[in-house]
PDB file of N, CA and C in Angstrom:
ATOM      1  N   UNK A   1       0.837  -1.167   0.040  1.00  0.00           N
ATOM      2  CA  UNK A   1      -0.010   0.013   0.020  1.00  0.00           C
ATOM      3  C   UNK A   1       0.872   1.228   0.016  1.00  0.00           C
ATOM      4  N   UNK A   2       0.488   2.263  -0.735  1.00  0.00           N
ATOM      5  CA  UNK A   2       1.216   3.407  -0.853  1.00  0.00           C
ATOM      6  C   UNK A   2       0.776   4.506   0.076  1.00  0.00           C
ATOM      7  N   UNK A   3       1.674   5.321   0.623  1.00  0.00           N
ATOM      8  CA  UNK A   3       1.330   6.495   1.472  1.00  0.00           C
ATOM      9  C   UNK A   3       2.110   7.683   1.068  1.00  0.00           C
ATOM     10  N   UNK A   4       1.457   8.773   1.167  1.00  0.00           N
ATOM     11  CA  UNK A   4       2.142  10.080   1.103  1.00  0.00           C
ATOM     12  C   UNK A   4       2.474  10.565   2.444  1.00  0.00           C
ATOM     13  N   UNK A   5       3.723  10.957   2.692  1.00  0.00           N
ATOM     14  CA  UNK A   5       4.087  11.464   3.937  1.00  0.00           C
ATOM     15  C   UNK A   5       4.690  12.898   3.657  1.00  0.00           C
ATOM     16  N   UNK A   6       4.083  13.925   4.318  1.00  0.00           N
ATOM     17  CA  UNK A   6       4.560  15.216   4.263  1.00  0.00           C
ATOM     18  C   UNK A   6       5.199  15.559   5.597  1.00  0.00           C
ATOM     19  N   UNK A   7       6.450  15.860   5.641  1.00  0.00           N
ATOM     20  CA  UNK A   7       7.081  16.097   6.997  1.00  0.00           C
ATOM     21  C   UNK A   7       7.765  17.437   6.951  1.00  0.00           C
ATOM     22  N   UNK A   8       7.672  18.181   8.002  1.00  0.00           N
ATOM     23  CA  UNK A   8       8.248  19.443   8.243  1.00  0.00           C
ATOM     24  C   UNK A   8       8.956  19.576   9.483  1.00  0.00           C
ATOM     25  N   UNK A   9      10.207  20.063   9.478  1.00  0.00           N
ATOM     26  CA  UNK A   9      10.923  20.294  10.727  1.00  0.00           C
ATOM     27  C   UNK A   9      10.228  21.362  11.580  1.00  0.00           C
ATOM     28  N   UNK A  10      10.084  21.029  12.844  1.00  0.00           N
ATOM     29  CA  UNK A  10       9.523  22.040  13.729  1.00  0.00           C
ATOM     30  C   UNK A  10      10.370  23.269  13.814  1.00  0.00           C
ATOM     31  N   UNK A  11       9.758  24.425  13.878  1.00  0.00           N
ATOM     32  CA  UNK A  11      10.452  25.695  13.907  1.00  0.00           C
ATOM     33  C   UNK A  11      11.460  25.824  15.136  1.00  0.00           C
ATOM     34  N   UNK A  12      11.039  25.226  16.180  1.00  0.00           N
ATOM     35  CA  UNK A  12      11.857  25.327  17.448  1.00  0.00           C
ATOM     36  C   UNK A  12      13.149  24.533  17.467  1.00  0.00           C
ATOM     37  N   UNK A  13      13.273  23.693  16.464  1.00  0.00           N
ATOM     38  CA  UNK A  13      14.498  22.787  16.421  1.00  0.00           C
ATOM     39  C   UNK A  13      15.712  23.677  16.111  1.00  0.00           C
ATOM     40  N   UNK A  14      16.710  23.697  17.035  1.00  0.00           N
ATOM     41  CA  UNK A  14      17.925  24.503  16.813  1.00  0.00           C
ATOM     42  C   UNK A  14      18.584  24.099  15.456  1.00  0.00           C
ATOM     43  N   UNK A  15      19.072  25.143  14.692  1.00  0.00           N
ATOM     44  CA  UNK A  15      19.755  24.911  13.436  1.00  0.00           C
ATOM     45  C   UNK A  15      20.876  23.863  13.501  1.00  0.00           C
ATOM     46  N   UNK A  16      21.696  23.911  14.647  1.00  0.00           N
ATOM     47  CA  UNK A  16      22.811  23.012  14.754  1.00  0.00           C
ATOM     48  C   UNK A  16      22.350  21.532  14.853  1.00  0.00           C
ATOM     49  N   UNK A  17      21.309  21.349  15.560  1.00  0.00           N
ATOM     50  CA  UNK A  17      20.775  19.930  15.697  1.00  0.00           C
ATOM     51  C   UNK A  17      20.221  19.506  14.325  1.00  0.00           C
ATOM     52  N   UNK A  18      19.509  20.299  13.684  1.00  0.00           N
ATOM     53  CA  UNK A  18      18.868  20.040  12.339  1.00  0.00           C
ATOM     54  C   UNK A  18      20.074  19.694  11.293  1.00  0.00           C
ATOM     55  N   UNK A  19      21.054  20.597  11.281  1.00  0.00           N
ATOM     56  CA  UNK A  19      22.176  20.446  10.398  1.00  0.00           C
ATOM     57  C   UNK A  19      22.939  19.136  10.640  1.00  0.00           C
ATOM     58  N   UNK A  20      23.034  18.750  11.932  1.00  0.00           N
ATOM     59  CA  UNK A  20      23.763  17.520  12.218  1.00  0.00           C
ATOM     60  C   UNK A  20      22.958  16.189  11.750  1.00  0.00           C
ATOM     61  N   UNK A  21      21.685  16.254  11.971  1.00  0.00           N
ATOM     62  CA  UNK A  21      20.776  15.081  11.638  1.00  0.00           C
ATOM     63  C   UNK A  21      20.420  15.029  10.158  1.00  0.00           C
ATOM     64  N   UNK A  22      20.428  16.147   9.448  1.00  0.00           N
ATOM     65  CA  UNK A  22      19.921  16.063   8.050  1.00  0.00           C
ATOM     66  C   UNK A  22      20.703  15.139   7.148  1.00  0.00           C
ATOM     67  N   UNK A  23      22.057  15.095   7.222  1.00  0.00           N
ATOM     68  CA  UNK A  23      22.822  14.130   6.422  1.00  0.00           C
ATOM     69  C   UNK A  23      22.490  12.686   6.786  1.00  0.00           C
ATOM     70  N   UNK A  24      22.088  12.425   8.104  1.00  0.00           N
ATOM     71  CA  UNK A  24      21.693  11.045   8.431  1.00  0.00           C
ATOM     72  C   UNK A  24      20.413  10.729   7.825  1.00  0.00           C
ATOM     73  N   UNK A  25      19.470  11.743   7.676  1.00  0.00           N
ATOM     74  CA  UNK A  25      18.213  11.506   7.085  1.00  0.00           C
ATOM     75  C   UNK A  25      18.395  11.221   5.548  1.00  0.00           C
ATOM     76  N   UNK A  26      19.302  11.958   4.921  1.00  0.00           N
ATOM     77  CA  UNK A  26      19.610  11.700   3.504  1.00  0.00           C
ATOM     78  C   UNK A  26      20.075  10.229   3.324  1.00  0.00           C
ATOM     79  N   UNK A  27      20.999   9.798   4.205  1.00  0.00           N
ATOM     80  CA  UNK A  27      21.399   8.434   4.115  1.00  0.00           C
ATOM     81  C   UNK A  27      20.297   7.395   4.311  1.00  0.00           C
ATOM     82  N   UNK A  28      19.456   7.756   5.275  1.00  0.00           N
ATOM     83  CA  UNK A  28      18.226   6.819   5.518  1.00  0.00           C
ATOM     84  C   UNK A  28      17.289   6.750   4.229  1.00  0.00           C
ATOM     85  N   UNK A  29      17.085   7.920   3.666  1.00  0.00           N
ATOM     86  CA  UNK A  29      16.287   7.839   2.474  1.00  0.00           C
ATOM     87  C   UNK A  29      16.884   7.103   1.331  1.00  0.00           C
ATOM     88  N   UNK A  30      18.256   7.149   1.281  1.00  0.00           N
ATOM     89  CA  UNK A  30      18.945   6.391   0.216  1.00  0.00           C
ATOM     90  C   UNK A  30      18.742   4.933   0.502  1.00  0.00           C
ATOM     91  N   UNK A  31      18.854   4.520   1.710  1.00  0.00           N
ATOM     92  CA  UNK A  31      18.695   3.099   2.104  1.00  0.00           C
ATOM     93  C   UNK A  31      17.248   2.664   1.791  1.00  0.00           C
ATOM     94  N   UNK A  32      16.213   3.470   2.004  1.00  0.00           N
ATOM     95  CA  UNK A  32      14.861   3.062   1.623  1.00  0.00           C
ATOM     96  C   UNK A  32      14.696   2.973   0.157  1.00  0.00           C
ATOM     97  N   UNK A  33      15.297   3.886  -0.614  1.00  0.00           N
ATOM     98  CA  UNK A  33      15.311   3.851  -1.988  1.00  0.00           C
ATOM     99  C   UNK A  33      15.906   2.567  -2.482  1.00  0.00           C
ATOM    100  N   UNK A  34      17.027   2.121  -1.986  1.00  0.00           N
ATOM    101  CA  UNK A  34      17.688   0.889  -2.388  1.00  0.00           C
ATOM    102  C   UNK A  34      16.797  -0.325  -2.080  1.00  0.00           C
ATOM    103  N   UNK A  35      15.982  -0.258  -1.013  1.00  0.00           N
ATOM    104  CA  UNK A  35      15.151  -1.330  -0.617  1.00  0.00           C
ATOM    105  C   UNK A  35      13.836  -1.324  -1.385  1.00  0.00           C
ATOM    106  N   UNK A  36      13.671  -0.299  -2.303  1.00  0.00           N
ATOM    107  CA  UNK A  36      12.533  -0.129  -3.141  1.00  0.00           C
ATOM    108  C   UNK A  36      11.227   0.160  -2.246  1.00  0.00           C
ATOM    109  N   UNK A  37      11.450   0.742  -1.078  1.00  0.00           N
ATOM    110  CA  UNK A  37      10.362   1.045  -0.171  1.00  0.00           C
ATOM    111  C   UNK A  37      10.003   2.517  -0.464  1.00  0.00           C
ATOM    112  N   UNK A  38      10.963   3.355  -0.593  1.00  0.00           N
ATOM    113  CA  UNK A  38      10.739   4.838  -0.946  1.00  0.00           C
ATOM    114  C   UNK A  38      10.676   5.001  -2.430  1.00  0.00           C
ATOM    115  N   UNK A  39       9.514   5.324  -2.882  1.00  0.00           N
ATOM    116  CA  UNK A  39       9.386   5.467  -4.364  1.00  0.00           C
ATOM    117  C   UNK A  39       9.681   6.849  -4.940  1.00  0.00           C
ATOM    118  N   UNK A  40       9.386   7.884  -4.101  1.00  0.00           N
ATOM    119  CA  UNK A  40       9.735   9.220  -4.454  1.00  0.00           C
ATOM    120  C   UNK A  40       9.968  10.046  -3.219  1.00  0.00           C
ATOM    121  N   UNK A  41      10.808  11.004  -3.366  1.00  0.00           N
ATOM    122  CA  UNK A  41      11.104  11.960  -2.379  1.00  0.00           C
ATOM    123  C   UNK A  41      11.363  13.368  -3.033  1.00  0.00           C
ATOM    124  N   UNK A  42      10.816  14.392  -2.370  1.00  0.00           N
ATOM    125  CA  UNK A  42      11.022  15.729  -2.869  1.00  0.00           C
ATOM    126  C   UNK A  42      11.213  16.659  -1.737  1.00  0.00           C
ATOM    127  N   UNK A  43      12.012  17.692  -1.920  1.00  0.00           N
ATOM    128  CA  UNK A  43      12.103  18.715  -0.931  1.00  0.00           C
ATOM    129  C   UNK A  43      11.012  19.746  -1.074  1.00  0.00           C
ATOM    130  N   UNK A  44      10.467  20.223  -0.069  1.00  0.00           N
ATOM    131  CA  UNK A  44       9.424  21.236  -0.084  1.00  0.00           C
ATOM    132  C   UNK A  44       9.983  22.598  -0.188  1.00  0.00           C
ATOM    133  N   UNK A  45       9.981  23.215  -1.289  1.00  0.00           N
ATOM    134  CA  UNK A  45      10.564  24.571  -1.451  1.00  0.00           C
ATOM    135  C   UNK A  45       9.877  25.519  -0.510  1.00  0.00           C
ATOM    136  N   UNK A  46      10.694  26.295   0.129  1.00  0.00           N
ATOM    137  CA  UNK A  46      10.238  27.253   1.060  1.00  0.00           C
ATOM    138  C   UNK A  46      10.002  26.788   2.476  1.00  0.00           C
ATOM    139  N   UNK A  47      10.232  25.468   2.658  1.00  0.00           N
ATOM    140  CA  UNK A  47      10.056  24.837   4.024  1.00  0.00           C
ATOM    141  C   UNK A  47      11.275  23.968   4.311  1.00  0.00           C
ATOM    142  N   UNK A  48      11.508  23.652   5.517  1.00  0.00           N
ATOM    143  CA  UNK A  48      12.511  22.686   5.932  1.00  0.00           C
ATOM    144  C   UNK A  48      11.733  21.353   5.998  1.00  0.00           C
ATOM    145  N   UNK A  49      11.476  20.702   4.880  1.00  0.00           N
ATOM    146  CA  UNK A  49      10.754  19.503   4.960  1.00  0.00           C
ATOM    147  C   UNK A  49      10.814  18.783   3.679  1.00  0.00           C
ATOM    148  N   UNK A  50      10.083  17.612   3.619  1.00  0.00           N
ATOM    149  CA  UNK A  50      10.058  16.809   2.503  1.00  0.00           C
ATOM    150  C   UNK A  50       8.780  16.207   2.305  1.00  0.00           C
ATOM    151  N   UNK A  51       8.505  15.595   1.089  1.00  0.00           N
ATOM    152  CA  UNK A  51       7.436  14.747   0.706  1.00  0.00           C
ATOM    153  C   UNK A  51       7.909  13.540   0.232  1.00  0.00           C
ATOM    154  N   UNK A  52       7.347  12.440   0.841  1.00  0.00           N
ATOM    155  CA  UNK A  52       7.807  11.064   0.495  1.00  0.00           C
ATOM    156  C   UNK A  52       6.582  10.210  -0.007  1.00  0.00           C
ATOM    157  N   UNK A  53       6.796   9.345  -0.892  1.00  0.00           N
ATOM    158  CA  UNK A  53       5.801   8.283  -1.191  1.00  0.00           C
ATOM    159  C   UNK A  53       6.564   7.016  -0.952  1.00  0.00           C
ATOM    160  N   UNK A  54       5.899   6.223   0.000  1.00  0.00           N
ATOM    161  CA  UNK A  54       6.419   4.950   0.453  1.00  0.00           C
ATOM    162  C   UNK A  54       5.393   3.887   0.064  1.00  0.00           C
ATOM    163  N   UNK A  55       5.985   2.672  -0.227  1.00  0.00           N
ATOM    164  CA  UNK A  55       5.122   1.486  -0.631  1.00  0.00           C
ATOM    165  C   UNK A  55       5.537   0.408   0.431  1.00  0.00           C
ATOM    166  N   UNK A  56       4.436   0.141   1.154  1.00  0.00           N
ATOM    167  CA  UNK A  56       4.665  -0.857   2.419  1.00  0.00           C
ATOM    168  C   UNK A  56       3.595  -1.923   2.331  1.00  0.00           C
ATOM    169  N   UNK A  57       3.860  -2.985   3.047  1.00  0.00           N
ATOM    170  CA  UNK A  57       2.848  -4.146   3.079  1.00  0.00           C
ATOM    171  C   UNK A  57       2.043  -4.035   4.297  1.00  0.00           C
ATOM    172  N   UNK A  58       2.408  -3.223   5.314  1.00  0.00           N
ATOM    173  CA  UNK A  58       1.535  -3.217   6.500  1.00  0.00           C
ATOM    174  C   UNK A  58       1.717  -1.893   7.260  1.00  0.00           C
ATOM    175  N   UNK A  59       0.833  -1.653   8.197  1.00  0.00           N
ATOM    176  CA  UNK A  59       0.948  -0.452   8.984  1.00  0.00           C
ATOM    177  C   UNK A  59       2.170  -0.552   9.898  1.00  0.00           C
ATOM    178  N   UNK A  60       2.547  -1.752  10.222  1.00  0.00           N
ATOM    179  CA  UNK A  60       3.715  -2.049  11.075  1.00  0.00           C
ATOM    180  C   UNK A  60       4.976  -1.542  10.318  1.00  0.00           C
ATOM    181  N   UNK A  61       5.012  -1.790   8.951  1.00  0.00           N
ATOM    182  CA  UNK A  61       6.148  -1.433   8.260  1.00  0.00           C
ATOM    183  C   UNK A  61       6.170   0.126   8.073  1.00  0.00           C
ATOM    184  N   UNK A  62       5.024   0.703   7.909  1.00  0.00           N
ATOM    185  CA  UNK A  62       4.945   2.198   7.823  1.00  0.00           C
ATOM    186  C   UNK A  62       5.443   2.823   9.068  1.00  0.00           C
ATOM    187  N   UNK A  63       4.991   2.302  10.241  1.00  0.00           N
ATOM    188  CA  UNK A  63       5.331   2.765  11.574  1.00  0.00           C
ATOM    189  C   UNK A  63       6.868   2.682  11.736  1.00  0.00           C
ATOM    190  N   UNK A  64       7.460   1.619  11.218  1.00  0.00           N
ATOM    191  CA  UNK A  64       8.891   1.360  11.357  1.00  0.00           C
ATOM    192  C   UNK A  64       9.630   2.381  10.634  1.00  0.00           C
ATOM    193  N   UNK A  65       9.234   2.626   9.376  1.00  0.00           N
ATOM    194  CA  UNK A  65       9.861   3.550   8.503  1.00  0.00           C
ATOM    195  C   UNK A  65       9.891   4.938   9.090  1.00  0.00           C
ATOM    196  N   UNK A  66       8.712   5.378   9.617  1.00  0.00           N
ATOM    197  CA  UNK A  66       8.601   6.701  10.208  1.00  0.00           C
ATOM    198  C   UNK A  66       9.439   6.807  11.529  1.00  0.00           C
ATOM    199  N   UNK A  67       9.298   5.736  12.351  1.00  0.00           N
ATOM    200  CA  UNK A  67       9.994   5.752  13.585  1.00  0.00           C
ATOM    201  C   UNK A  67      11.522   5.688  13.536  1.00  0.00           C
ATOM    202  N   UNK A  68      12.038   5.203  12.501  1.00  0.00           N
ATOM    203  CA  UNK A  68      13.483   5.052  12.292  1.00  0.00           C
ATOM    204  C   UNK A  68      14.148   6.289  11.634  1.00  0.00           C
ATOM    205  N   UNK A  69      13.317   7.201  11.230  1.00  0.00           N
ATOM    206  CA  UNK A  69      13.798   8.344  10.549  1.00  0.00           C
ATOM    207  C   UNK A  69      14.663   9.214  11.592  1.00  0.00           C
ATOM    208  N   UNK A  70      15.881   9.563  11.199  1.00  0.00           N
ATOM    209  CA  UNK A  70      16.771  10.261  12.160  1.00  0.00           C
ATOM    210  C   UNK A  70      16.185  11.605  12.670  1.00  0.00           C
ATOM    211  N   UNK A  71      15.268  12.189  11.967  1.00  0.00           N
ATOM    212  CA  UNK A  71      14.557  13.404  12.351  1.00  0.00           C
ATOM    213  C   UNK A  71      13.183  13.204  12.881  1.00  0.00           C
ATOM    214  N   UNK A  72      12.934  11.969  13.370  1.00  0.00           N
ATOM    215  CA  UNK A  72      11.599  11.597  13.826  1.00  0.00           C
ATOM    216  C   UNK A  72      11.098  12.558  14.846  1.00  0.00           C
ATOM    217  N   UNK A  73      11.904  12.927  15.941  1.00  0.00           N
ATOM    218  CA  UNK A  73      11.366  13.715  16.946  1.00  0.00           C
ATOM    219  C   UNK A  73      11.409  15.244  16.592  1.00  0.00           C
ATOM    220  N   UNK A  74      12.053  15.495  15.518  1.00  0.00           N
ATOM    221  CA  UNK A  74      12.152  17.016  15.079  1.00  0.00           C
ATOM    222  C   UNK A  74      11.143  17.355  14.068  1.00  0.00           C
ATOM    223  N   UNK A  75      10.322  16.457  13.555  1.00  0.00           N
ATOM    224  CA  UNK A  75       9.482  16.738  12.459  1.00  0.00           C
ATOM    225  C   UNK A  75       7.965  16.496  12.847  1.00  0.00           C
ATOM    226  N   UNK A  76       7.133  17.271  12.290  1.00  0.00           N
ATOM    227  CA  UNK A  76       5.664  16.982  12.261  1.00  0.00           C
ATOM    228  C   UNK A  76       5.322  16.348  10.873  1.00  0.00           C
ATOM    229  N   UNK A  77       4.372  15.378  10.926  1.00  0.00           N
ATOM    230  CA  UNK A  77       4.034  14.633   9.776  1.00  0.00           C
ATOM    231  C   UNK A  77       2.499  14.659   9.472  1.00  0.00           C
ATOM    232  N   UNK A  78       2.263  14.647   8.192  1.00  0.00           N
ATOM    233  CA  UNK A  78       0.854  14.316   7.758  1.00  0.00           C
ATOM    234  C   UNK A  78       1.051  13.119   6.900  1.00  0.00           C
ATOM    235  N   UNK A  79       0.173  12.116   7.127  1.00  0.00           N
ATOM    236  CA  UNK A  79       0.324  10.784   6.343  1.00  0.00           C
ATOM    237  C   UNK A  79      -1.005  10.560   5.693  1.00  0.00           C
ATOM    238  N   UNK A  80      -0.980  10.210   4.388  1.00  0.00           N
ATOM    239  CA  UNK A  80      -2.250   9.994   3.626  1.00  0.00           C
ATOM    240  C   UNK A  80      -2.073   8.648   2.889  1.00  0.00           C
ATOM    241  N   UNK A  81      -3.039   7.718   3.027  1.00  0.00           N
ATOM    242  CA  UNK A  81      -3.076   6.490   2.079  1.00  0.00           C
ATOM    243  C   UNK A  81      -3.407   6.938   0.674  1.00  0.00           C
ATOM    244  N   UNK A  82      -2.747   6.324  -0.255  1.00  0.00           N
ATOM    245  CA  UNK A  82      -2.922   6.532  -1.662  1.00  0.00           C
ATOM    246  C   UNK A  82      -3.534   5.485  -2.417  1.00  0.00           C
ATOM    247  N   UNK A  83      -4.284   5.761  -3.425  1.00  0.00           N
ATOM    248  CA  UNK A  83      -4.789   4.751  -4.407  1.00  0.00           C
ATOM    249  C   UNK A  83      -4.700   5.315  -5.776  1.00  0.00           C
ATOM    250  N   UNK A  84      -4.641   4.518  -6.787  1.00  0.00           N
ATOM    251  CA  UNK A  84      -4.590   5.002  -8.181  1.00  0.00           C
ATOM    252  C   UNK A  84      -5.853   5.705  -8.624  1.00  0.00           C
ATOM    253  N   UNK A  85      -5.777   6.454  -9.616  1.00  0.00           N
ATOM    254  CA  UNK A  85      -6.887   7.096 -10.127  1.00  0.00           C
ATOM    255  C   UNK A  85      -7.865   6.086 -10.672  1.00  0.00           C
ATOM    256  N   UNK A  86      -7.308   5.044 -11.258  1.00  0.00           N
ATOM    257  CA  UNK A  86      -8.189   3.920 -11.957  1.00  0.00           C
ATOM    258  C   UNK A  86      -8.955   3.251 -10.772  1.00  0.00           C
ATOM    259  N   UNK A  87      -8.322   2.996  -9.694  1.00  0.00           N
ATOM    260  CA  UNK A  87      -9.076   2.357  -8.564  1.00  0.00           C
ATOM    261  C   UNK A  87     -10.121   3.231  -8.008  1.00  0.00           C
ATOM    262  N   UNK A  88      -9.787   4.483  -7.827  1.00  0.00           N
ATOM    263  CA  UNK A  88     -10.827   5.487  -7.377  1.00  0.00           C
ATOM    264  C   UNK A  88     -11.913   5.608  -8.360  1.00  0.00           C
ATOM    265  N   UNK A  89     -11.649   5.633  -9.649  1.00  0.00           N
ATOM    266  CA  UNK A  89     -12.724   5.740 -10.626  1.00  0.00           C
ATOM    267  C   UNK A  89     -13.686   4.524 -10.605  1.00  0.00           C
ATOM    268  N   UNK A  90     -13.104   3.440 -10.554  1.00  0.00           N
ATOM    269  CA  UNK A  90     -13.854   2.101 -10.390  1.00  0.00           C
ATOM    270  C   UNK A  90     -14.750   2.193  -9.164  1.00  0.00           C
ATOM    271  N   UNK A  91     -14.291   2.575  -8.086  1.00  0.00           N
ATOM    272  CA  UNK A  91     -15.135   2.697  -6.843  1.00  0.00           C
ATOM    273  C   UNK A  91     -16.238   3.694  -7.001  1.00  0.00           C
ATOM    274  N   UNK A  92     -15.971   4.809  -7.603  1.00  0.00           N
ATOM    275  CA  UNK A  92     -17.056   5.802  -7.921  1.00  0.00           C
ATOM    276  C   UNK A  92     -18.103   5.193  -8.841  1.00  0.00           C
ATOM    277  N   UNK A  93     -17.664   4.536  -9.871  1.00  0.00           N
ATOM    278  CA  UNK A  93     -18.681   4.002 -10.847  1.00  0.00           C
ATOM    279  C   UNK A  93     -19.583   2.972 -10.192  1.00  0.00           C
ATOM    280  N   UNK A  94     -18.962   2.146  -9.249  1.00  0.00           N
ATOM    281  CA  UNK A  94     -19.721   1.172  -8.508  1.00  0.00           C
ATOM    282  C   UNK A  94     -20.762   1.880  -7.622  1.00  0.00           C
ATOM    283  N   UNK A  95     -20.348   2.976  -7.012  1.00  0.00           N
ATOM    284  CA  UNK A  95     -21.199   3.708  -6.088  1.00  0.00           C
ATOM    285  C   UNK A  95     -22.430   4.266  -6.862  1.00  0.00           C
ATOM    286  N   UNK A  96     -22.139   4.710  -8.078  1.00  0.00           N
ATOM    287  CA  UNK A  96     -23.195   5.467  -8.864  1.00  0.00           C
ATOM    288  C   UNK A  96     -24.075   4.561  -9.690  1.00  0.00           C
ATOM    289  N   UNK A  97     -23.805   3.231  -9.688  1.00  0.00           N
ATOM    290  CA  UNK A  97     -24.619   2.352 -10.457  1.00  0.00           C
ATOM    291  C   UNK A  97     -25.915   2.192  -9.711  1.00  0.00           C
ATOM    292  N   UNK A  98     -27.028   2.096 -10.426  1.00  0.00           N
ATOM    293  CA  UNK A  98     -28.395   1.847  -9.781  1.00  0.00           C
ATOM    294  C   UNK A  98     -28.469   0.452  -9.174  1.00  0.00           C
TER     295      UNK A  98
END
């Protein structure tokens, strides 16, 4: 199952702490990409944060990915389950059928 994760570093995090942990987060993202768990990652322009799309088999795996992020305690996150447009369209058609 795919999830969109939007994460932003909390404003109160000291710059020194953030600067120390950011390279560790980049390494972590590289590891997830190599494992084919992280499908896409983008920096949020104008924010100290990122947008990730992860593909996991369970909520346990999602929790593990989030919890092992080196910036776990320094970020706020929004997490959204994703589905394809085709799946969404199929569900809507089924709902609208008499």
